[in-house]
Amino acid sequence: MTPELTALTFAALLQVVQFATFAIPANRELGVGYTSSARDRPPSRALSDRTARLQRAMNNHFEGLILFSIAVLVITFSDQGSLVTAACAAAYLVARVLYIPAYYFGWRPWRSLIWFVGFGATVLMLLAALV
């Protein structure tokens, strides 16, 4: 497996971990009755600030994972993997891991900088595929 595909696999597993990290406190705070329902109505109480941050970090990774997956697939299918694209894939993964505590603890402006490292690494991978 290429380094880029390995990073994508770990990024997908990280998403699973993020889901569990969010779902456990959300179930405690909102109750299983609500979280297992169709959620047609808003919850009777709001998530705590930190649980809501875990949810936003998870959703943000879903968004970033789409673009990163495209970049990895383009690099892989075009057989353009290089040290640069492998480094970008690793940078994306490290940034996504660091993003979770940065968002959870409200590290400003570091959270945005960490996000930008992951986004920038993804864009560089896409640009590398074009050259």
Protein backbone atom coordinates (compact mmCIF):
# COMPACT_ATOMS: atom_id res chain seq x y z
CA MET A 1 0.00 0.00 0.00
CA THR A 2 1.27 3.48 -0.82
CA PRO A 3 2.03 5.96 1.97
CA GLU A 4 -0.86 8.10 0.76
CA LEU A 5 -3.33 5.20 0.96
CA THR A 6 -1.97 4.27 4.38
CA ALA A 7 -2.58 7.84 5.58
CA LEU A 8 -6.09 7.72 4.12
CA THR A 9 -6.79 4.47 5.97
CA PHE A 10 -5.59 5.97 9.25
CA ALA A 11 -7.61 9.12 8.56
CA ALA A 12 -10.75 7.00 8.09
CA LEU A 13 -10.02 5.15 11.35
CA LEU A 14 -9.50 8.51 13.04
CA GLN A 15 -12.99 9.46 11.88
CA VAL A 16 -14.34 6.33 13.60
CA VAL A 17 -12.54 7.34 16.80
CA GLN A 18 -13.92 10.87 16.52
CA PHE A 19 -17.43 9.52 16.09
CA ALA A 20 -17.12 7.41 19.23
CA THR A 21 -15.47 10.26 21.14
CA PHE A 22 -18.45 12.46 20.31
CA ALA A 23 -21.24 9.86 20.52
CA ILE A 24 -20.49 8.69 24.06
CA PRO A 25 -20.87 12.07 25.79
CA ALA A 26 -23.71 13.06 23.42
CA ASN A 27 -25.68 9.98 24.46
CA ARG A 28 -25.05 10.77 28.11
CA GLU A 29 -26.10 14.40 27.74
CA LEU A 30 -29.10 14.01 25.43
CA GLY A 31 -30.21 10.55 26.48
CA VAL A 32 -30.44 7.43 24.39
CA GLY A 33 -34.14 8.06 23.84
CA TYR A 34 -33.34 11.16 21.83
CA THR A 35 -30.19 9.94 20.07
CA SER A 36 -31.91 6.73 18.95
CA SER A 37 -35.01 8.59 17.73
CA ALA A 38 -35.68 10.06 14.29
CA ARG A 39 -34.71 13.45 15.78
CA ASP A 40 -37.68 15.20 14.22
CA ARG A 41 -37.71 17.64 17.10
CA PRO A 42 -34.79 19.53 18.63
CA PRO A 43 -33.39 18.01 21.82
CA SER A 44 -34.87 19.18 25.11
CA ARG A 45 -31.41 20.29 26.19
CA ALA A 46 -28.30 21.44 24.39
CA LEU A 47 -24.98 19.67 24.23
CA SER A 48 -22.30 20.96 26.58
CA ASP A 49 -19.76 23.28 24.98
CA ARG A 50 -17.06 20.61 24.81
CA THR A 51 -19.32 17.89 23.43
CA ALA A 52 -20.56 20.35 20.81
CA ARG A 53 -16.92 21.07 19.93
CA LEU A 54 -16.30 17.35 19.49
CA GLN A 55 -19.27 17.25 17.12
CA ARG A 56 -17.98 20.21 15.11
CA ALA A 57 -14.47 18.73 14.94
CA MET A 58 -15.94 15.43 13.73
CA ASN A 59 -18.05 17.19 11.09
CA ASN A 60 -15.06 19.24 10.02
CA HIS A 61 -13.06 16.06 9.50
CA PHE A 62 -15.87 14.59 7.38
CA GLU A 63 -15.57 17.66 5.16
CA GLY A 64 -11.78 17.56 4.99
CA LEU A 65 -11.72 13.81 4.46
CA ILE A 66 -13.69 14.16 1.23
CA LEU A 67 -11.10 16.43 -0.37
CA PHE A 68 -8.19 14.44 1.07
CA SER A 69 -9.68 11.22 -0.30
CA ILE A 70 -9.93 12.78 -3.74
CA ALA A 71 -6.30 13.89 -3.53
CA VAL A 72 -5.13 10.42 -2.48
CA LEU A 73 -7.13 8.72 -5.21
CA VAL A 74 -5.86 11.08 -7.90
CA ILE A 75 -2.26 10.58 -6.77
CA THR A 76 -2.69 6.80 -6.51
CA PHE A 77 -4.55 6.20 -9.76
CA SER A 78 -2.22 8.46 -11.73
CA ASP A 79 0.79 6.74 -10.12
CA GLN A 80 2.27 10.08 -9.12
CA GLY A 81 3.18 9.29 -5.54
CA SER A 82 6.39 10.92 -4.38
CA LEU A 83 8.16 11.96 -1.21
CA VAL A 84 6.27 15.25 -1.44
CA THR A 85 2.83 13.63 -1.67
CA ALA A 86 3.72 11.14 1.08
CA ALA A 87 4.85 14.02 3.31
CA CYS A 88 1.64 15.90 2.53
CA ALA A 89 -0.45 12.85 3.42
CA ALA A 90 1.42 12.48 6.71
CA ALA A 91 1.02 16.21 7.42
CA TYR A 92 -2.73 15.95 6.81
CA LEU A 93 -3.03 13.04 9.20
CA VAL A 94 -0.96 14.68 11.94
CA ALA A 95 -2.93 17.91 11.55
CA ARG A 96 -6.24 16.07 11.87
CA VAL A 97 -5.07 14.31 15.03
CA LEU A 98 -3.93 17.62 16.55
CA TYR A 99 -7.12 19.36 15.45
CA ILE A 100 -9.25 17.34 17.89
CA PRO A 101 -7.68 18.60 21.13
CA ALA A 102 -7.17 22.04 19.56
CA TYR A 103 -10.91 22.33 18.94
CA TYR A 104 -11.93 20.62 22.18
CA PHE A 105 -9.82 22.91 24.36
CA GLY A 106 -10.43 26.03 22.25
CA TRP A 107 -6.80 26.67 21.32
CA ARG A 108 -6.87 29.94 19.41
CA PRO A 109 -5.38 30.73 16.94
CA TRP A 110 -3.67 27.32 16.86
CA ARG A 111 -6.80 25.45 15.89
CA SER A 112 -7.08 27.47 12.69
CA LEU A 113 -3.38 27.08 11.94
CA ILE A 114 -3.60 23.32 12.45
CA TRP A 115 -6.63 23.18 10.16
CA PHE A 116 -4.76 25.15 7.52
CA VAL A 117 -1.80 22.73 7.61
CA GLY A 118 -4.14 19.83 6.78
CA PHE A 119 -5.99 21.80 4.12
CA GLY A 120 -2.76 23.10 2.60
CA ALA A 121 -1.27 19.61 2.49
CA THR A 122 -4.34 18.39 0.63
CA VAL A 123 -4.18 21.23 -1.89
CA LEU A 124 -0.47 20.57 -2.45
CA MET A 125 -1.24 16.94 -3.21
CA LEU A 126 -3.82 17.99 -5.79
CA LEU A 127 -1.40 20.46 -7.35
CA ALA A 128 1.35 17.82 -7.40
CA ALA A 129 -0.93 15.61 -9.46
CA LEU A 130 -1.18 18.32 -12.10
CA VAL A 131 2.55 18.84 -12.57
